[in-house]
All heavy atoms as atom14 arrays in JSON, in Angstrom:
{
  "sequence": "LSCAASGRTFSRSAMGWFRQAPGKERECVAGISWSGGKTSYADS",
  "atom14_mask": [
    [1, 1, 1, 1, 1, 1, 1, 1, 0, 0, 0, 0, 0, 0],
    [1, 1, 1, 1, 1, 1, 0, 0, 0, 0, 0, 0, 0, 0],
    [1, 1, 1, 1, 1, 1, 0, 0, 0, 0, 0, 0, 0, 0],
    [1, 1, 1, 1, 1, 0, 0, 0, 0, 0, 0, 0, 0, 0],
    [1, 1, 1, 1, 1, 0, 0, 0, 0, 0, 0, 0, 0, 0],
    [1, 1, 1, 1, 1, 1, 0, 0, 0, 0, 0, 0, 0, 0],
    [1, 1, 1, 1, 0, 0, 0, 0, 0, 0, 0, 0, 0, 0],
    [1, 1, 1, 1, 1, 1, 1, 1, 1, 1, 1, 0, 0, 0],
    [1, 1, 1, 1, 1, 1, 1, 0, 0, 0, 0, 0, 0, 0],
    [1, 1, 1, 1, 1, 1, 1, 1, 1, 1, 1, 0, 0, 0],
    [1, 1, 1, 1, 1, 1, 0, 0, 0, 0, 0, 0, 0, 0],
    [1, 1, 1, 1, 1, 1, 1, 1, 1, 1, 1, 0, 0, 0],
    [1, 1, 1, 1, 1, 1, 0, 0, 0, 0, 0, 0, 0, 0],
    [1, 1, 1, 1, 1, 0, 0, 0, 0, 0, 0, 0, 0, 0],
    [1, 1, 1, 1, 1, 1, 1, 1, 0, 0, 0, 0, 0, 0],
    [1, 1, 1, 1, 0, 0, 0, 0, 0, 0, 0, 0, 0, 0],
    [1, 1, 1, 1, 1, 1, 1, 1, 1, 1, 1, 1, 1, 1],
    [1, 1, 1, 1, 1, 1, 1, 1, 1, 1, 1, 0, 0, 0],
    [1, 1, 1, 1, 1, 1, 1, 1, 1, 1, 1, 0, 0, 0],
    [1, 1, 1, 1, 1, 1, 1, 1, 1, 0, 0, 0, 0, 0],
    [1, 1, 1, 1, 1, 0, 0, 0, 0, 0, 0, 0, 0, 0],
    [1, 1, 1, 1, 1, 1, 1, 0, 0, 0, 0, 0, 0, 0],
    [1, 1, 1, 1, 0, 0, 0, 0, 0, 0, 0, 0, 0, 0],
    [1, 1, 1, 1, 1, 1, 1, 1, 1, 0, 0, 0, 0, 0],
    [1, 1, 1, 1, 1, 1, 1, 1, 1, 0, 0, 0, 0, 0],
    [1, 1, 1, 1, 1, 1, 1, 1, 1, 1, 1, 0, 0, 0],
    [1, 1, 1, 1, 1, 1, 1, 1, 1, 0, 0, 0, 0, 0],
    [1, 1, 1, 1, 1, 1, 0, 0, 0, 0, 0, 0, 0, 0],
    [1, 1, 1, 1, 1, 1, 1, 0, 0, 0, 0, 0, 0, 0],
    [1, 1, 1, 1, 1, 0, 0, 0, 0, 0, 0, 0, 0, 0],
    [1, 1, 1, 1, 0, 0, 0, 0, 0, 0, 0, 0, 0, 0],
    [1, 1, 1, 1, 1, 1, 1, 1, 0, 0, 0, 0, 0, 0],
    [1, 1, 1, 1, 1, 1, 0, 0, 0, 0, 0, 0, 0, 0],
    [1, 1, 1, 1, 1, 1, 1, 1, 1, 1, 1, 1, 1, 1],
    [1, 1, 1, 1, 1, 1, 0, 0, 0, 0, 0, 0, 0, 0],
    [1, 1, 1, 1, 0, 0, 0, 0, 0, 0, 0, 0, 0, 0],
    [1, 1, 1, 1, 0, 0, 0, 0, 0, 0, 0, 0, 0, 0],
    [1, 1, 1, 1, 1, 1, 1, 1, 1, 0, 0, 0, 0, 0],
    [1, 1, 1, 1, 1, 1, 1, 0, 0, 0, 0, 0, 0, 0],
    [1, 1, 1, 1, 1, 1, 0, 0, 0, 0, 0, 0, 0, 0],
    [1, 1, 1, 1, 1, 1, 1, 1, 1, 1, 1, 1, 0, 0],
    [1, 1, 1, 1, 1, 0, 0, 0, 0, 0, 0, 0, 0, 0],
    [1, 1, 1, 1, 1, 1, 1, 1, 0, 0, 0, 0, 0, 0],
    [1, 1, 1, 1, 1, 1, 0, 0, 0, 0, 0, 0, 0, 0]
  ],
  "atom14_positions": [
    [[98.01, 81.89, 95.98], [98.46, 83.05, 96.74], [97.58, 83.21, 97.98], [96.38, 82.95, 97.93], [98.39, 84.31, 95.89], [99.14, 84.3, 94.57], [99.02, 85.66, 93.89], [100.6, 83.92, 94.75], [0.0, 0.0, 0.0], [0.0, 0.0, 0.0], [0.0, 0.0, 0.0], [0.0, 0.0, 0.0], [0.0, 0.0, 0.0], [0.0, 0.0, 0.0]],
    [[98.21, 83.66, 99.06], [97.48, 83.93, 100.3], [97.67, 85.38, 100.68], [98.72, 85.98, 100.4], [98.0, 83.04, 101.43], [97.79, 81.68, 101.13], [0.0, 0.0, 0.0], [0.0, 0.0, 0.0], [0.0, 0.0, 0.0], [0.0, 0.0, 0.0], [0.0, 0.0, 0.0], [0.0, 0.0, 0.0], [0.0, 0.0, 0.0], [0.0, 0.0, 0.0]],
    [[96.67, 85.93, 101.34], [96.73, 87.31, 101.82], [96.24, 87.3, 103.27], [95.04, 87.13, 103.52], [95.86, 88.2, 100.96], [95.66, 89.89, 101.59], [0.0, 0.0, 0.0], [0.0, 0.0, 0.0], [0.0, 0.0, 0.0], [0.0, 0.0, 0.0], [0.0, 0.0, 0.0], [0.0, 0.0, 0.0], [0.0, 0.0, 0.0], [0.0, 0.0, 0.0]],
    [[97.16, 87.45, 104.19], [96.83, 87.44, 105.61], [96.58, 88.86, 106.09], [97.41, 89.75, 105.88], [97.96, 86.8, 106.4], [0.0, 0.0, 0.0], [0.0, 0.0, 0.0], [0.0, 0.0, 0.0], [0.0, 0.0, 0.0], [0.0, 0.0, 0.0], [0.0, 0.0, 0.0], [0.0, 0.0, 0.0], [0.0, 0.0, 0.0], [0.0, 0.0, 0.0]],
    [[95.44, 89.05, 106.73], [95.06, 90.37, 107.23], [95.22, 90.44, 108.74], [94.96, 89.47, 109.44], [93.62, 90.69, 106.86], [0.0, 0.0, 0.0], [0.0, 0.0, 0.0], [0.0, 0.0, 0.0], [0.0, 0.0, 0.0], [0.0, 0.0, 0.0], [0.0, 0.0, 0.0], [0.0, 0.0, 0.0], [0.0, 0.0, 0.0], [0.0, 0.0, 0.0]],
    [[95.62, 91.57, 109.21], [95.7, 91.81, 110.65], [95.24, 93.23, 110.92], [95.14, 94.06, 110.03], [97.12, 91.6, 111.16], [98.01, 92.51, 110.54], [0.0, 0.0, 0.0], [0.0, 0.0, 0.0], [0.0, 0.0, 0.0], [0.0, 0.0, 0.0], [0.0, 0.0, 0.0], [0.0, 0.0, 0.0], [0.0, 0.0, 0.0], [0.0, 0.0, 0.0]],
    [[94.93, 93.48, 112.17], [94.46, 94.81, 112.52], [92.96, 94.8, 112.73], [92.39, 93.83, 113.19], [0.0, 0.0, 0.0], [0.0, 0.0, 0.0], [0.0, 0.0, 0.0], [0.0, 0.0, 0.0], [0.0, 0.0, 0.0], [0.0, 0.0, 0.0], [0.0, 0.0, 0.0], [0.0, 0.0, 0.0], [0.0, 0.0, 0.0], [0.0, 0.0, 0.0]],
    [[92.32, 95.91, 112.32], [90.89, 96.01, 112.56], [90.13, 94.97, 111.77], [90.65, 94.33, 110.88], [90.42, 97.41, 112.22], [90.49, 97.75, 110.75], [90.22, 99.23, 110.53], [88.93, 99.66, 111.0], [87.83, 99.58, 110.29], [87.86, 99.07, 109.08], [86.67, 100.0, 110.77], [0.0, 0.0, 0.0], [0.0, 0.0, 0.0], [0.0, 0.0, 0.0]],
    [[88.84, 94.84, 112.06], [88.02, 93.81, 111.46], [88.07, 93.83, 109.94], [88.17, 94.88, 109.34], [86.57, 93.95, 111.92], [85.8, 92.88, 111.36], [85.97, 95.28, 111.47], [0.0, 0.0, 0.0], [0.0, 0.0, 0.0], [0.0, 0.0, 0.0], [0.0, 0.0, 0.0], [0.0, 0.0, 0.0], [0.0, 0.0, 0.0], [0.0, 0.0, 0.0]],
    [[88.04, 92.65, 109.39], [88.11, 92.55, 107.94], [86.9, 91.82, 107.4], [86.71, 91.69, 106.2], [89.47, 91.92, 107.6], [89.5, 90.67, 106.78], [90.1, 90.72, 105.54], [89.0, 89.47, 107.21], [90.21, 89.59, 104.76], [89.1, 88.34, 106.42], [89.72, 88.39, 105.19], [0.0, 0.0, 0.0], [0.0, 0.0, 0.0], [0.0, 0.0, 0.0]],
    [[86.02, 91.39, 108.3], [84.9, 90.56, 107.86], [83.9, 91.32, 106.99], [83.2, 90.69, 106.21], [84.18, 89.96, 109.07], [83.66, 90.98, 109.88], [0.0, 0.0, 0.0], [0.0, 0.0, 0.0], [0.0, 0.0, 0.0], [0.0, 0.0, 0.0], [0.0, 0.0, 0.0], [0.0, 0.0, 0.0], [0.0, 0.0, 0.0], [0.0, 0.0, 0.0]],
    [[83.81, 92.63, 107.09], [82.88, 93.39, 106.26], [83.61, 94.1, 105.11], [83.02, 94.95, 104.43], [82.13, 94.43, 107.09], [81.24, 93.84, 108.17], [79.95, 93.29, 107.66], [79.1, 94.28, 107.03], [77.77, 94.19, 106.97], [77.17, 93.17, 107.53], [77.05, 95.11, 106.37], [0.0, 0.0, 0.0], [0.0, 0.0, 0.0], [0.0, 0.0, 0.0]],
    [[84.86, 93.74, 104.88], [85.63, 94.34, 103.81], [85.62, 93.46, 102.58], [85.83, 92.25, 102.69], [87.09, 94.56, 104.25], [87.18, 95.45, 105.32], [0.0, 0.0, 0.0], [0.0, 0.0, 0.0], [0.0, 0.0, 0.0], [0.0, 0.0, 0.0], [0.0, 0.0, 0.0], [0.0, 0.0, 0.0], [0.0, 0.0, 0.0], [0.0, 0.0, 0.0]],
    [[85.35, 94.05, 101.41], [85.55, 93.32, 100.17], [87.05, 93.2, 99.93], [87.84, 94.04, 100.38], [84.88, 94.06, 99.02], [0.0, 0.0, 0.0], [0.0, 0.0, 0.0], [0.0, 0.0, 0.0], [0.0, 0.0, 0.0], [0.0, 0.0, 0.0], [0.0, 0.0, 0.0], [0.0, 0.0, 0.0], [0.0, 0.0, 0.0], [0.0, 0.0, 0.0]],
    [[87.43, 92.14, 99.23], [88.84, 91.89, 98.96], [89.05, 91.8, 97.46], [88.15, 91.41, 96.7], [89.29, 90.57, 99.61], [89.08, 90.51, 101.1], [90.11, 91.64, 102.0], [91.75, 90.98, 101.65], [0.0, 0.0, 0.0], [0.0, 0.0, 0.0], [0.0, 0.0, 0.0], [0.0, 0.0, 0.0], [0.0, 0.0, 0.0], [0.0, 0.0, 0.0]],
    [[90.26, 92.11, 97.05], [90.58, 92.01, 95.63], [92.02, 91.59, 95.43], [92.87, 91.78, 96.32], [0.0, 0.0, 0.0], [0.0, 0.0, 0.0], [0.0, 0.0, 0.0], [0.0, 0.0, 0.0], [0.0, 0.0, 0.0], [0.0, 0.0, 0.0], [0.0, 0.0, 0.0], [0.0, 0.0, 0.0], [0.0, 0.0, 0.0], [0.0, 0.0, 0.0]],
    [[92.28, 90.99, 94.3], [93.65, 90.7, 93.86], [93.91, 91.48, 92.58], [93.11, 91.41, 91.63], [93.83, 89.21, 93.6], [93.95, 88.39, 94.83], [92.96, 87.69, 95.47], [95.15, 88.15, 95.59], [93.46, 87.05, 96.57], [94.8, 87.31, 96.67], [96.48, 88.56, 95.46], [95.73, 86.88, 97.61], [97.4, 88.13, 96.4], [97.02, 87.3, 97.46]],
    [[95.02, 92.2, 92.6], [95.46, 92.97, 91.44], [96.81, 92.42, 91.0], [97.5, 91.75, 91.77], [95.61, 94.45, 91.81], [94.31, 95.18, 92.02], [93.52, 94.92, 93.13], [93.88, 96.12, 91.11], [92.31, 95.6, 93.33], [92.68, 96.8, 91.3], [91.91, 96.53, 92.41], [0.0, 0.0, 0.0], [0.0, 0.0, 0.0], [0.0, 0.0, 0.0]],
    [[97.2, 92.77, 89.79], [98.54, 92.44, 89.34], [99.09, 93.56, 88.47], [98.33, 94.31, 87.85], [98.57, 91.11, 88.57], [97.88, 91.14, 87.21], [97.88, 89.74, 86.61], [97.23, 89.71, 85.29], [96.97, 88.59, 84.63], [97.29, 87.41, 85.14], [96.39, 88.66, 83.44], [0.0, 0.0, 0.0], [0.0, 0.0, 0.0], [0.0, 0.0, 0.0]],
    [[100.4, 93.65, 88.47], [101.07, 94.67, 87.66], [102.3, 94.05, 87.02], [103.23, 93.63, 87.71], [101.46, 95.87, 88.51], [101.99, 97.03, 87.7], [102.04, 98.32, 88.5], [102.04, 98.31, 89.73], [102.07, 99.45, 87.8], [0.0, 0.0, 0.0], [0.0, 0.0, 0.0], [0.0, 0.0, 0.0], [0.0, 0.0, 0.0], [0.0, 0.0, 0.0]],
    [[102.28, 94.0, 85.7], [103.42, 93.52, 84.93], [104.32, 94.71, 84.59], [103.85, 95.85, 84.55], [102.93, 92.83, 83.66], [0.0, 0.0, 0.0], [0.0, 0.0, 0.0], [0.0, 0.0, 0.0], [0.0, 0.0, 0.0], [0.0, 0.0, 0.0], [0.0, 0.0, 0.0], [0.0, 0.0, 0.0], [0.0, 0.0, 0.0], [0.0, 0.0, 0.0]],
    [[105.59, 94.46, 84.3], [106.51, 95.56, 83.97], [105.99, 96.39, 82.81], [105.58, 95.85, 81.78], [107.8, 94.84, 83.6], [107.74, 93.55, 84.35], [106.3, 93.16, 84.37], [0.0, 0.0, 0.0], [0.0, 0.0, 0.0], [0.0, 0.0, 0.0], [0.0, 0.0, 0.0], [0.0, 0.0, 0.0], [0.0, 0.0, 0.0], [0.0, 0.0, 0.0]],
    [[105.96, 97.7, 82.99], [105.53, 98.59, 81.93], [104.04, 98.68, 81.73], [103.57, 99.35, 80.81], [0.0, 0.0, 0.0], [0.0, 0.0, 0.0], [0.0, 0.0, 0.0], [0.0, 0.0, 0.0], [0.0, 0.0, 0.0], [0.0, 0.0, 0.0], [0.0, 0.0, 0.0], [0.0, 0.0, 0.0], [0.0, 0.0, 0.0], [0.0, 0.0, 0.0]],
    [[103.28, 98.0, 82.59], [101.82, 98.0, 82.43], [101.16, 98.57, 83.69], [101.75, 98.62, 84.75], [101.31, 96.58, 82.16], [101.78, 96.01, 80.84], [101.07, 94.71, 80.52], [101.45, 94.19, 79.15], [100.73, 92.94, 78.8], [0.0, 0.0, 0.0], [0.0, 0.0, 0.0], [0.0, 0.0, 0.0], [0.0, 0.0, 0.0], [0.0, 0.0, 0.0]],
    [[99.91, 98.96, 83.53], [99.16, 99.46, 84.67], [98.7, 98.3, 85.55], [98.55, 97.16, 85.09], [97.94, 100.25, 84.17], [98.3, 101.55, 83.48], [97.08, 102.39, 83.15], [95.95, 101.92, 83.36], [97.27, 103.52, 82.69], [0.0, 0.0, 0.0], [0.0, 0.0, 0.0], [0.0, 0.0, 0.0], [0.0, 0.0, 0.0], [0.0, 0.0, 0.0]],
    [[98.47, 98.63, 86.8], [97.94, 97.62, 87.71], [96.49, 97.32, 87.34], [95.7, 98.24, 87.09], [98.02, 98.13, 89.16], [97.8, 97.06, 90.2], [98.07, 97.59, 91.6], [99.46, 98.02, 91.77], [99.98, 98.34, 92.95], [99.24, 98.28, 94.06], [101.23, 98.76, 93.03], [0.0, 0.0, 0.0], [0.0, 0.0, 0.0], [0.0, 0.0, 0.0]],
    [[96.16, 96.03, 87.28], [94.81, 95.63, 86.9], [94.23, 94.68, 87.93], [94.94, 93.91, 88.57], [94.83, 94.93, 85.53], [95.63, 93.65, 85.49], [95.46, 92.86, 84.2], [94.53, 93.16, 83.43], [96.24, 91.92, 83.99], [0.0, 0.0, 0.0], [0.0, 0.0, 0.0], [0.0, 0.0, 0.0], [0.0, 0.0, 0.0], [0.0, 0.0, 0.0]],
    [[92.91, 94.75, 88.06], [92.22, 93.86, 88.96], [91.98, 92.53, 88.26], [91.45, 92.48, 87.15], [90.89, 94.45, 89.39], [90.01, 93.47, 90.61], [0.0, 0.0, 0.0], [0.0, 0.0, 0.0], [0.0, 0.0, 0.0], [0.0, 0.0, 0.0], [0.0, 0.0, 0.0], [0.0, 0.0, 0.0], [0.0, 0.0, 0.0], [0.0, 0.0, 0.0]],
    [[92.39, 91.44, 88.89], [92.14, 90.12, 88.29], [90.97, 89.41, 88.96], [90.31, 88.57, 88.33], [93.39, 89.22, 88.31], [94.48, 89.8, 87.45], [93.88, 88.99, 89.73], [0.0, 0.0, 0.0], [0.0, 0.0, 0.0], [0.0, 0.0, 0.0], [0.0, 0.0, 0.0], [0.0, 0.0, 0.0], [0.0, 0.0, 0.0], [0.0, 0.0, 0.0]],
    [[90.69, 89.74, 90.25], [89.58, 89.08, 90.92], [89.12, 89.89, 92.12], [89.93, 90.58, 92.75], [89.99, 87.68, 91.39], [0.0, 0.0, 0.0], [0.0, 0.0, 0.0], [0.0, 0.0, 0.0], [0.0, 0.0, 0.0], [0.0, 0.0, 0.0], [0.0, 0.0, 0.0], [0.0, 0.0, 0.0], [0.0, 0.0, 0.0], [0.0, 0.0, 0.0]],
    [[87.83, 89.79, 92.41], [87.28, 90.46, 93.58], [86.29, 89.55, 94.27], [85.68, 88.68, 93.64], [0.0, 0.0, 0.0], [0.0, 0.0, 0.0], [0.0, 0.0, 0.0], [0.0, 0.0, 0.0], [0.0, 0.0, 0.0], [0.0, 0.0, 0.0], [0.0, 0.0, 0.0], [0.0, 0.0, 0.0], [0.0, 0.0, 0.0], [0.0, 0.0, 0.0]],
    [[86.14, 89.72, 95.58], [85.18, 88.94, 96.34], [84.49, 89.86, 97.32], [85.11, 90.73, 97.94], [85.87, 87.75, 97.05], [84.85, 86.81, 97.68], [86.91, 88.22, 98.07], [85.47, 85.46, 98.09], [0.0, 0.0, 0.0], [0.0, 0.0, 0.0], [0.0, 0.0, 0.0], [0.0, 0.0, 0.0], [0.0, 0.0, 0.0], [0.0, 0.0, 0.0]],
    [[83.18, 89.7, 97.45], [82.41, 90.54, 98.37], [82.67, 90.16, 99.82], [83.27, 89.11, 100.1], [80.92, 90.4, 98.05], [80.48, 89.07, 98.33], [0.0, 0.0, 0.0], [0.0, 0.0, 0.0], [0.0, 0.0, 0.0], [0.0, 0.0, 0.0], [0.0, 0.0, 0.0], [0.0, 0.0, 0.0], [0.0, 0.0, 0.0], [0.0, 0.0, 0.0]],
    [[82.2, 90.97, 100.75], [82.53, 90.69, 102.15], [81.92, 89.4, 102.64], [82.47, 88.74, 103.52], [82.16, 91.87, 103.06], [80.71, 92.25, 103.15], [80.12, 93.31, 102.53], [79.68, 91.63, 103.93], [78.79, 93.37, 102.86], [78.49, 92.35, 103.73], [79.65, 90.53, 104.79], [77.29, 92.01, 104.33], [78.45, 90.18, 105.41], [77.29, 90.92, 105.16]],
    [[80.77, 88.99, 102.07], [80.17, 87.73, 102.49], [80.81, 86.54, 101.8], [80.59, 85.39, 102.21], [78.68, 87.72, 102.18], [78.46, 87.53, 100.79], [0.0, 0.0, 0.0], [0.0, 0.0, 0.0], [0.0, 0.0, 0.0], [0.0, 0.0, 0.0], [0.0, 0.0, 0.0], [0.0, 0.0, 0.0], [0.0, 0.0, 0.0], [0.0, 0.0, 0.0]],
    [[81.54, 86.81, 100.74], [82.08, 85.71, 99.93], [81.08, 85.2, 98.91], [81.4, 84.34, 98.1], [0.0, 0.0, 0.0], [0.0, 0.0, 0.0], [0.0, 0.0, 0.0], [0.0, 0.0, 0.0], [0.0, 0.0, 0.0], [0.0, 0.0, 0.0], [0.0, 0.0, 0.0], [0.0, 0.0, 0.0], [0.0, 0.0, 0.0], [0.0, 0.0, 0.0]],
    [[79.88, 85.76, 98.93], [78.84, 85.26, 98.06], [78.91, 85.76, 96.63], [78.26, 85.21, 95.74], [0.0, 0.0, 0.0], [0.0, 0.0, 0.0], [0.0, 0.0, 0.0], [0.0, 0.0, 0.0], [0.0, 0.0, 0.0], [0.0, 0.0, 0.0], [0.0, 0.0, 0.0], [0.0, 0.0, 0.0], [0.0, 0.0, 0.0], [0.0, 0.0, 0.0]],
    [[79.68, 86.8, 96.41], [79.85, 87.32, 95.05], [81.33, 87.37, 94.71], [82.14, 87.78, 95.53], [79.26, 88.73, 94.95], [77.76, 88.82, 95.16], [77.27, 90.24, 95.02], [75.78, 90.34, 95.26], [75.3, 91.74, 95.17], [0.0, 0.0, 0.0], [0.0, 0.0, 0.0], [0.0, 0.0, 0.0], [0.0, 0.0, 0.0], [0.0, 0.0, 0.0]],
    [[81.64, 86.95, 93.49], [83.0, 87.03, 92.99], [82.98, 87.6, 91.57], [81.96, 87.51, 90.87], [83.7, 85.67, 92.98], [82.93, 84.75, 92.18], [83.85, 85.11, 94.38], [0.0, 0.0, 0.0], [0.0, 0.0, 0.0], [0.0, 0.0, 0.0], [0.0, 0.0, 0.0], [0.0, 0.0, 0.0], [0.0, 0.0, 0.0], [0.0, 0.0, 0.0]],
    [[84.08, 88.17, 91.17], [84.2, 88.69, 89.81], [85.63, 88.47, 89.34], [86.55, 88.41, 90.17], [83.84, 90.17, 89.75], [84.68, 90.93, 90.59], [0.0, 0.0, 0.0], [0.0, 0.0, 0.0], [0.0, 0.0, 0.0], [0.0, 0.0, 0.0], [0.0, 0.0, 0.0], [0.0, 0.0, 0.0], [0.0, 0.0, 0.0], [0.0, 0.0, 0.0]],
    [[85.79, 88.34, 88.02], [87.1, 88.04, 87.46], [87.32, 88.83, 86.17], [86.39, 89.1, 85.41], [87.21, 86.55, 87.13], [87.08, 85.66, 88.34], [85.84, 85.15, 88.73], [88.2, 85.36, 89.12], [85.72, 84.35, 89.86], [88.09, 84.57, 90.25], [86.84, 84.06, 90.61], [86.73, 83.28, 91.73], [0.0, 0.0, 0.0], [0.0, 0.0, 0.0]],
    [[88.59, 89.13, 85.93], [88.96, 89.69, 84.63], [88.8, 88.6, 83.58], [88.98, 87.4, 83.87], [90.41, 90.17, 84.66], [0.0, 0.0, 0.0], [0.0, 0.0, 0.0], [0.0, 0.0, 0.0], [0.0, 0.0, 0.0], [0.0, 0.0, 0.0], [0.0, 0.0, 0.0], [0.0, 0.0, 0.0], [0.0, 0.0, 0.0], [0.0, 0.0, 0.0]],
    [[88.47, 89.0, 82.38], [88.27, 88.01, 81.31], [89.51, 87.16, 81.09], [89.41, 85.98, 80.75], [87.89, 88.73, 80.01], [86.48, 89.28, 80.03], [85.67, 88.86, 80.89], [86.18, 90.14, 79.17], [0.0, 0.0, 0.0], [0.0, 0.0, 0.0], [0.0, 0.0, 0.0], [0.0, 0.0, 0.0], [0.0, 0.0, 0.0], [0.0, 0.0, 0.0]],
    [[90.67, 87.75, 81.29], [91.92, 87.05, 81.01], [92.19, 85.9, 81.97], [93.01, 85.02, 81.67], [93.1, 88.04, 81.06], [93.16, 88.66, 82.33], [0.0, 0.0, 0.0], [0.0, 0.0, 0.0], [0.0, 0.0, 0.0], [0.0, 0.0, 0.0], [0.0, 0.0, 0.0], [0.0, 0.0, 0.0], [0.0, 0.0, 0.0], [0.0, 0.0, 0.0]]
  ]
}
């Protein structure tokens, strides 16, 4: 999956990917810090 950003600067913004299955709450599956040096993932 790709996420293209436009508009104001995004270099100091942390990014995340979430997902939502039917009938379920939206959950975070992955996050990345603004430097890219830190990442985190859901256990699943």
